[in-house]
PDB file of N, CA and C in Angstrom:
ATOM      1  N   UNK A   1      -6.121  -3.809 -16.073  1.00  0.00           N
ATOM      2  CA  UNK A   1      -7.024  -3.493 -14.971  1.00  0.00           C
ATOM      3  C   UNK A   1      -7.112  -1.996 -14.907  1.00  0.00           C
ATOM      4  N   UNK A   2      -8.321  -1.354 -14.707  1.00  0.00           N
ATOM      5  CA  UNK A   2      -8.539  -0.007 -14.689  1.00  0.00           C
ATOM      6  C   UNK A   2      -9.114   0.301 -13.337  1.00  0.00           C
ATOM      7  N   UNK A   3      -8.468   1.315 -12.589  1.00  0.00           N
ATOM      8  CA  UNK A   3      -8.855   1.686 -11.330  1.00  0.00           C
ATOM      9  C   UNK A   3      -9.465   3.098 -11.373  1.00  0.00           C
ATOM     10  N   UNK A   4     -10.620   3.182 -10.895  1.00  0.00           N
ATOM     11  CA  UNK A   4     -11.365   4.404 -10.960  1.00  0.00           C
ATOM     12  C   UNK A   4     -11.388   4.970  -9.527  1.00  0.00           C
ATOM     13  N   UNK A   5     -11.116   6.245  -9.327  1.00  0.00           N
ATOM     14  CA  UNK A   5     -11.189   6.944  -8.068  1.00  0.00           C
ATOM     15  C   UNK A   5     -12.097   8.229  -8.227  1.00  0.00           C
ATOM     16  N   UNK A   6     -13.097   8.267  -7.470  1.00  0.00           N
ATOM     17  CA  UNK A   6     -13.979   9.459  -7.440  1.00  0.00           C
ATOM     18  C   UNK A   6     -13.942  10.169  -6.126  1.00  0.00           C
ATOM     19  N   UNK A   7     -13.708  11.435  -6.107  1.00  0.00           N
ATOM     20  CA  UNK A   7     -13.739  12.184  -4.889  1.00  0.00           C
ATOM     21  C   UNK A   7     -14.772  13.327  -5.003  1.00  0.00           C
ATOM     22  N   UNK A   8     -15.783  13.160  -4.148  1.00  0.00           N
ATOM     23  CA  UNK A   8     -16.914  14.159  -4.044  1.00  0.00           C
ATOM     24  C   UNK A   8     -16.691  15.016  -2.891  1.00  0.00           C
ATOM     25  N   UNK A   9     -16.932  16.376  -3.004  1.00  0.00           N
ATOM     26  CA  UNK A   9     -16.660  17.297  -2.079  1.00  0.00           C
ATOM     27  C   UNK A   9     -17.539  18.605  -2.073  1.00  0.00           C
ATOM     28  N   UNK A  10     -17.445  19.350  -1.028  1.00  0.00           N
ATOM     29  CA  UNK A  10     -18.083  20.716  -1.094  1.00  0.00           C
ATOM     30  C   UNK A  10     -17.034  21.583  -0.302  1.00  0.00           C
ATOM     31  N   UNK A  11     -16.604  22.627  -0.945  1.00  0.00           N
ATOM     32  CA  UNK A  11     -15.668  23.642  -0.375  1.00  0.00           C
ATOM     33  C   UNK A  11     -16.389  24.413   0.793  1.00  0.00           C
ATOM     34  N   UNK A  12     -15.549  24.782   1.803  1.00  0.00           N
ATOM     35  CA  UNK A  12     -15.966  25.759   2.754  1.00  0.00           C
ATOM     36  C   UNK A  12     -16.025  27.110   2.089  1.00  0.00           C
ATOM     37  N   UNK A  13     -16.936  28.055   2.639  1.00  0.00           N
ATOM     38  CA  UNK A  13     -16.986  29.323   2.078  1.00  0.00           C
ATOM     39  C   UNK A  13     -15.640  30.069   2.364  1.00  0.00           C
ATOM     40  N   UNK A  14     -15.361  30.839   1.346  1.00  0.00           N
ATOM     41  CA  UNK A  14     -14.054  31.750   1.466  1.00  0.00           C
ATOM     42  C   UNK A  14     -12.780  31.030   1.193  1.00  0.00           C
ATOM     43  N   UNK A  15     -12.701  29.753   0.777  1.00  0.00           N
ATOM     44  CA  UNK A  15     -11.454  29.122   0.506  1.00  0.00           C
ATOM     45  C   UNK A  15     -11.118  28.949  -1.058  1.00  0.00           C
ATOM     46  N   UNK A  16     -11.986  29.584  -1.887  1.00  0.00           N
ATOM     47  CA  UNK A  16     -11.770  29.246  -3.183  1.00  0.00           C
ATOM     48  C   UNK A  16     -10.381  29.551  -3.856  1.00  0.00           C
ATOM     49  N   UNK A  17      -9.837  30.763  -3.533  1.00  0.00           N
ATOM     50  CA  UNK A  17      -8.497  31.065  -4.017  1.00  0.00           C
ATOM     51  C   UNK A  17      -7.316  30.025  -3.516  1.00  0.00           C
ATOM     52  N   UNK A  18      -7.428  29.772  -2.220  1.00  0.00           N
ATOM     53  CA  UNK A  18      -6.528  28.706  -1.739  1.00  0.00           C
ATOM     54  C   UNK A  18      -6.666  27.345  -2.392  1.00  0.00           C
ATOM     55  N   UNK A  19      -7.950  26.946  -2.631  1.00  0.00           N
ATOM     56  CA  UNK A  19      -8.296  25.639  -3.219  1.00  0.00           C
ATOM     57  C   UNK A  19      -7.788  25.702  -4.698  1.00  0.00           C
ATOM     58  N   UNK A  20      -8.043  26.688  -5.447  1.00  0.00           N
ATOM     59  CA  UNK A  20      -7.588  26.762  -6.819  1.00  0.00           C
ATOM     60  C   UNK A  20      -6.082  26.686  -6.895  1.00  0.00           C
ATOM     61  N   UNK A  21      -5.311  27.216  -6.197  1.00  0.00           N
ATOM     62  CA  UNK A  21      -3.811  27.011  -6.131  1.00  0.00           C
ATOM     63  C   UNK A  21      -3.383  25.676  -5.826  1.00  0.00           C
ATOM     64  N   UNK A  22      -4.043  25.082  -4.877  1.00  0.00           N
ATOM     65  CA  UNK A  22      -3.694  23.730  -4.398  1.00  0.00           C
ATOM     66  C   UNK A  22      -4.162  22.714  -5.382  1.00  0.00           C
ATOM     67  N   UNK A  23      -5.296  22.917  -6.010  1.00  0.00           N
ATOM     68  CA  UNK A  23      -5.848  21.959  -7.013  1.00  0.00           C
ATOM     69  C   UNK A  23      -4.963  21.977  -8.266  1.00  0.00           C
ATOM     70  N   UNK A  24      -4.434  23.139  -8.572  1.00  0.00           N
ATOM     71  CA  UNK A  24      -3.449  23.172  -9.845  1.00  0.00           C
ATOM     72  C   UNK A  24      -2.176  22.306  -9.468  1.00  0.00           C
ATOM     73  N   UNK A  25      -1.675  22.570  -8.204  1.00  0.00           N
ATOM     74  CA  UNK A  25      -0.381  21.758  -7.911  1.00  0.00           C
ATOM     75  C   UNK A  25      -0.715  20.190  -7.781  1.00  0.00           C
ATOM     76  N   UNK A  26      -1.828  19.845  -7.246  1.00  0.00           N
ATOM     77  CA  UNK A  26      -2.250  18.413  -7.193  1.00  0.00           C
ATOM     78  C   UNK A  26      -2.480  17.877  -8.628  1.00  0.00           C
ATOM     79  N   UNK A  27      -3.057  18.595  -9.462  1.00  0.00           N
ATOM     80  CA  UNK A  27      -3.173  18.204 -10.806  1.00  0.00           C
ATOM     81  C   UNK A  27      -1.839  17.923 -11.550  1.00  0.00           C
ATOM     82  N   UNK A  28      -0.856  18.806 -11.400  1.00  0.00           N
ATOM     83  CA  UNK A  28       0.376  18.634 -11.963  1.00  0.00           C
ATOM     84  C   UNK A  28       0.958  17.161 -11.400  1.00  0.00           C
ATOM     85  N   UNK A  29       0.983  17.018 -10.099  1.00  0.00           N
ATOM     86  CA  UNK A  29       1.376  15.756  -9.573  1.00  0.00           C
ATOM     87  C   UNK A  29       0.711  14.545  -9.999  1.00  0.00           C
ATOM     88  N   UNK A  30      -0.552  14.679 -10.077  1.00  0.00           N
ATOM     89  CA  UNK A  30      -1.441  13.570 -10.579  1.00  0.00           C
ATOM     90  C   UNK A  30      -0.987  13.101 -11.964  1.00  0.00           C
ATOM     91  N   UNK A  31      -0.741  14.089 -12.899  1.00  0.00           N
ATOM     92  CA  UNK A  31      -0.484  13.838 -14.297  1.00  0.00           C
ATOM     93  C   UNK A  31       0.964  13.144 -14.429  1.00  0.00           C
ATOM     94  N   UNK A  32       1.806  13.221 -13.416  1.00  0.00           N
ATOM     95  CA  UNK A  32       3.114  12.629 -13.380  1.00  0.00           C
ATOM     96  C   UNK A  32       3.018  11.174 -13.031  1.00  0.00           C
ATOM     97  N   UNK A  33       1.925  10.797 -12.383  1.00  0.00           N
ATOM     98  CA  UNK A  33       1.788   9.525 -11.743  1.00  0.00           C
ATOM     99  C   UNK A  33       1.704   8.434 -12.821  1.00  0.00           C
ATOM    100  N   UNK A  34       2.492   7.264 -12.687  1.00  0.00           N
ATOM    101  CA  UNK A  34       2.482   6.218 -13.564  1.00  0.00           C
ATOM    102  C   UNK A  34       1.099   5.580 -13.790  1.00  0.00           C
ATOM    103  N   UNK A  35       0.622   5.564 -14.964  1.00  0.00           N
ATOM    104  CA  UNK A  35      -0.787   4.947 -15.249  1.00  0.00           C
ATOM    105  C   UNK A  35      -1.781   6.022 -15.268  1.00  0.00           C
ATOM    106  N   UNK A  36      -1.529   7.300 -14.951  1.00  0.00           N
ATOM    107  CA  UNK A  36      -2.587   8.382 -15.052  1.00  0.00           C
ATOM    108  C   UNK A  36      -3.139   8.441 -16.446  1.00  0.00           C
ATOM    109  N   UNK A  37      -4.346   8.602 -16.435  1.00  0.00           N
ATOM    110  CA  UNK A  37      -5.118   8.605 -17.769  1.00  0.00           C
ATOM    111  C   UNK A  37      -5.768   9.992 -17.996  1.00  0.00           C
ATOM    112  N   UNK A  38      -6.537  10.389 -17.042  1.00  0.00           N
ATOM    113  CA  UNK A  38      -7.353  11.625 -17.240  1.00  0.00           C
ATOM    114  C   UNK A  38      -7.834  12.190 -15.889  1.00  0.00           C
ATOM    115  N   UNK A  39      -8.118  13.443 -15.810  1.00  0.00           N
ATOM    116  CA  UNK A  39      -8.652  14.133 -14.673  1.00  0.00           C
ATOM    117  C   UNK A  39      -9.647  15.126 -15.194  1.00  0.00           C
ATOM    118  N   UNK A  40     -10.810  15.085 -14.446  1.00  0.00           N
ATOM    119  CA  UNK A  40     -11.964  16.023 -14.804  1.00  0.00           C
ATOM    120  C   UNK A  40     -12.545  16.510 -13.530  1.00  0.00           C
ATOM    121  N   UNK A  41     -13.003  17.766 -13.464  1.00  0.00           N
ATOM    122  CA  UNK A  41     -13.693  18.178 -12.261  1.00  0.00           C
ATOM    123  C   UNK A  41     -15.107  18.734 -12.705  1.00  0.00           C
ATOM    124  N   UNK A  42     -16.012  18.331 -11.907  1.00  0.00           N
ATOM    125  CA  UNK A  42     -17.334  18.746 -12.209  1.00  0.00           C
ATOM    126  C   UNK A  42     -17.903  19.492 -11.015  1.00  0.00           C
ATOM    127  N   UNK A  43     -18.706  20.554 -11.240  1.00  0.00           N
ATOM    128  CA  UNK A  43     -19.233  21.281 -10.105  1.00  0.00           C
ATOM    129  C   UNK A  43     -20.861  21.309 -10.339  1.00  0.00           C
ATOM    130  N   UNK A  44     -21.646  20.874  -9.365  1.00  0.00           N
ATOM    131  CA  UNK A  44     -23.099  21.025  -9.470  1.00  0.00           C
ATOM    132  C   UNK A  44     -23.524  22.395  -9.065  1.00  0.00           C
ATOM    133  N   UNK A  45     -24.737  22.659  -9.335  1.00  0.00           N
ATOM    134  CA  UNK A  45     -25.360  23.995  -9.094  1.00  0.00           C
ATOM    135  C   UNK A  45     -25.329  24.322  -7.500  1.00  0.00           C
ATOM    136  N   UNK A  46     -25.379  23.231  -6.774  1.00  0.00           N
ATOM    137  CA  UNK A  46     -25.452  23.291  -5.337  1.00  0.00           C
ATOM    138  C   UNK A  46     -24.093  23.412  -4.647  1.00  0.00           C
ATOM    139  N   UNK A  47     -22.964  23.428  -5.549  1.00  0.00           N
ATOM    140  CA  UNK A  47     -21.582  23.559  -5.031  1.00  0.00           C
ATOM    141  C   UNK A  47     -20.814  22.240  -4.858  1.00  0.00           C
ATOM    142  N   UNK A  48     -21.555  21.130  -5.037  1.00  0.00           N
ATOM    143  CA  UNK A  48     -20.754  19.878  -4.793  1.00  0.00           C
ATOM    144  C   UNK A  48     -19.856  19.669  -5.994  1.00  0.00           C
ATOM    145  N   UNK A  49     -18.633  19.146  -5.652  1.00  0.00           N
ATOM    146  CA  UNK A  49     -17.591  18.988  -6.709  1.00  0.00           C
ATOM    147  C   UNK A  49     -17.124  17.514  -6.710  1.00  0.00           C
ATOM    148  N   UNK A  50     -16.582  17.139  -7.824  1.00  0.00           N
ATOM    149  CA  UNK A  50     -15.868  15.877  -7.938  1.00  0.00           C
ATOM    150  C   UNK A  50     -14.412  16.176  -8.149  1.00  0.00           C
ATOM    151  N   UNK A  51     -13.462  15.998  -7.243  1.00  0.00           N
ATOM    152  CA  UNK A  51     -12.096  16.415  -7.464  1.00  0.00           C
ATOM    153  C   UNK A  51     -11.182  15.807  -6.206  1.00  0.00           C
ATOM    154  N   UNK A  52     -10.211  16.655  -5.649  1.00  0.00           N
ATOM    155  CA  UNK A  52      -9.161  16.258  -4.625  1.00  0.00           C
ATOM    156  C   UNK A  52      -9.151  17.236  -3.365  1.00  0.00           C
ATOM    157  N   UNK A  53      -8.773  16.795  -2.153  1.00  0.00           N
ATOM    158  CA  UNK A  53      -8.555  17.779  -1.149  1.00  0.00           C
ATOM    159  C   UNK A  53      -8.352  17.343   0.400  1.00  0.00           C
ATOM    160  N   UNK A  54      -8.549  18.283   1.287  1.00  0.00           N
ATOM    161  CA  UNK A  54      -8.254  18.172   2.689  1.00  0.00           C
ATOM    162  C   UNK A  54      -9.305  19.017   3.554  1.00  0.00           C
ATOM    163  N   UNK A  55      -9.299  18.726   4.872  1.00  0.00           N
ATOM    164  CA  UNK A  55     -10.384  19.226   5.770  1.00  0.00           C
ATOM    165  C   UNK A  55     -10.278  20.781   5.950  1.00  0.00           C
ATOM    166  N   UNK A  56      -9.178  21.295   5.732  1.00  0.00           N
ATOM    167  CA  UNK A  56      -9.041  22.800   5.818  1.00  0.00           C
ATOM    168  C   UNK A  56      -9.799  23.546   4.732  1.00  0.00           C
ATOM    169  N   UNK A  57     -10.171  22.844   3.662  1.00  0.00           N
ATOM    170  CA  UNK A  57     -10.845  23.357   2.614  1.00  0.00           C
ATOM    171  C   UNK A  57     -12.295  22.998   2.413  1.00  0.00           C
ATOM    172  N   UNK A  58     -12.618  21.725   2.900  1.00  0.00           N
ATOM    173  CA  UNK A  58     -13.881  21.137   2.678  1.00  0.00           C
ATOM    174  C   UNK A  58     -14.842  21.125   3.892  1.00  0.00           C
ATOM    175  N   UNK A  59     -16.099  21.229   3.579  1.00  0.00           N
ATOM    176  CA  UNK A  59     -17.045  20.896   4.702  1.00  0.00           C
ATOM    177  C   UNK A  59     -17.444  19.585   4.748  1.00  0.00           C
ATOM    178  N   UNK A  60     -17.235  18.829   3.666  1.00  0.00           N
ATOM    179  CA  UNK A  60     -17.418  17.348   3.530  1.00  0.00           C
ATOM    180  C   UNK A  60     -16.721  16.800   2.324  1.00  0.00           C
ATOM    181  N   UNK A  61     -16.372  15.491   2.421  1.00  0.00           N
ATOM    182  CA  UNK A  61     -15.985  14.774   1.220  1.00  0.00           C
ATOM    183  C   UNK A  61     -16.044  13.285   1.404  1.00  0.00           C
ATOM    184  N   UNK A  62     -16.099  12.559   0.222  1.00  0.00           N
ATOM    185  CA  UNK A  62     -16.199  11.079   0.080  1.00  0.00           C
ATOM    186  C   UNK A  62     -15.219  10.704  -0.994  1.00  0.00           C
ATOM    187  N   UNK A  63     -14.593   9.636  -0.787  1.00  0.00           N
ATOM    188  CA  UNK A  63     -13.692   9.030  -1.797  1.00  0.00           C
ATOM    189  C   UNK A  63     -14.189   7.671  -2.152  1.00  0.00           C
ATOM    190  N   UNK A  64     -14.349   7.352  -3.474  1.00  0.00           N
ATOM    191  CA  UNK A  64     -14.761   5.967  -3.849  1.00  0.00           C
ATOM    192  C   UNK A  64     -13.657   5.478  -4.771  1.00  0.00           C
ATOM    193  N   UNK A  65     -13.203   4.308  -4.567  1.00  0.00           N
ATOM    194  CA  UNK A  65     -12.224   3.640  -5.407  1.00  0.00           C
ATOM    195  C   UNK A  65     -12.821   2.245  -5.722  1.00  0.00           C
ATOM    196  N   UNK A  66     -12.635   1.929  -7.050  1.00  0.00           N
ATOM    197  CA  UNK A  66     -13.208   0.614  -7.523  1.00  0.00           C
ATOM    198  C   UNK A  66     -12.373   0.162  -8.676  1.00  0.00           C
ATOM    199  N   UNK A  67     -12.325  -1.137  -8.954  1.00  0.00           N
ATOM    200  CA  UNK A  67     -11.729  -1.693 -10.181  1.00  0.00           C
ATOM    201  C   UNK A  67     -12.909  -1.780 -11.065  1.00  0.00           C
ATOM    202  N   UNK A  68     -12.625  -1.204 -12.253  1.00  0.00           N
ATOM    203  CA  UNK A  68     -13.579  -1.163 -13.349  1.00  0.00           C
ATOM    204  C   UNK A  68     -13.572  -2.484 -14.111  1.00  0.00           C
ATOM    205  N   UNK A  69     -14.703  -3.234 -13.998  1.00  0.00           N
ATOM    206  CA  UNK A  69     -14.639  -4.498 -14.738  1.00  0.00           C
ATOM    207  C   UNK A  69     -15.592  -4.428 -16.038  1.00  0.00           C
ATOM    208  N   UNK A  70     -16.283  -3.407 -16.112  1.00  0.00           N
ATOM    209  CA  UNK A  70     -17.131  -3.243 -17.355  1.00  0.00           C
ATOM    210  C   UNK A  70     -17.181  -1.724 -17.658  1.00  0.00           C
ATOM    211  N   UNK A  71     -17.050  -1.398 -18.904  1.00  0.00           N
ATOM    212  CA  UNK A  71     -17.365   0.058 -19.259  1.00  0.00           C
ATOM    213  C   UNK A  71     -18.018   0.172 -20.612  1.00  0.00           C
ATOM    214  N   UNK A  72     -18.939   0.990 -20.787  1.00  0.00           N
ATOM    215  CA  UNK A  72     -19.694   1.246 -22.013  1.00  0.00           C
ATOM    216  C   UNK A  72     -19.686   2.691 -22.287  1.00  0.00           C
ATOM    217  N   UNK A  73     -19.533   3.180 -23.464  1.00  0.00           N
ATOM    218  CA  UNK A  73     -19.601   4.489 -23.742  1.00  0.00           C
ATOM    219  C   UNK A  73     -20.330   4.852 -25.030  1.00  0.00           C
ATOM    220  N   UNK A  74     -20.874   5.963 -25.282  1.00  0.00           N
ATOM    221  CA  UNK A  74     -21.633   6.447 -26.299  1.00  0.00           C
ATOM    222  C   UNK A  74     -21.173   7.807 -26.789  1.00  0.00           C
ATOM    223  N   UNK A  75     -20.950   8.062 -28.061  1.00  0.00           N
ATOM    224  CA  UNK A  75     -20.657   9.373 -28.594  1.00  0.00           C
ATOM    225  C   UNK A  75     -21.325   9.698 -29.792  1.00  0.00           C
ATOM    226  N   UNK A  76     -22.103  10.796 -29.811  1.00  0.00           N
ATOM    227  CA  UNK A  76     -22.897  11.144 -31.046  1.00  0.00           C
ATOM    228  C   UNK A  76     -21.908  11.249 -32.163  1.00  0.00           C
ATOM    229  N   UNK A  77     -20.681  11.807 -32.011  1.00  0.00           N
ATOM    230  CA  UNK A  77     -19.701  12.022 -33.068  1.00  0.00           C
ATOM    231  C   UNK A  77     -19.476  10.716 -33.830  1.00  0.00           C
ATOM    232  N   UNK A  78     -19.447   9.595 -33.119  1.00  0.00           N
ATOM    233  CA  UNK A  78     -19.062   8.454 -33.640  1.00  0.00           C
ATOM    234  C   UNK A  78     -20.101   7.910 -34.678  1.00  0.00           C
ATOM    235  N   UNK A  79     -21.354   8.431 -34.684  1.00  0.00           N
ATOM    236  CA  UNK A  79     -22.375   8.054 -35.505  1.00  0.00           C
ATOM    237  C   UNK A  79     -22.328   8.707 -36.806  1.00  0.00           C
ATOM    238  N   UNK A  80     -21.671   9.923 -36.854  1.00  0.00           N
ATOM    239  CA  UNK A  80     -21.636  10.588 -38.202  1.00  0.00           C
ATOM    240  C   UNK A  80     -20.512  10.364 -39.043  1.00  0.00           C
TER     241      UNK A  80
END
């Protein structure tokens, strides 16, 4: 069984340095969790991110957790 957790957020203005330090600590802890596979952070042009956090840093956030029952992937490298 694969569990997928997605955390979408926007940082408050002026908290980037605090966020970066906390994000690194959280990343270290997450990698030590049994079953951890991978972590990625994406930032859109409008500042929305997919990652981890608290209300002192974010103007908004949402967490989605789901059991993955189907997965499909594609990679150009696999074709060559």
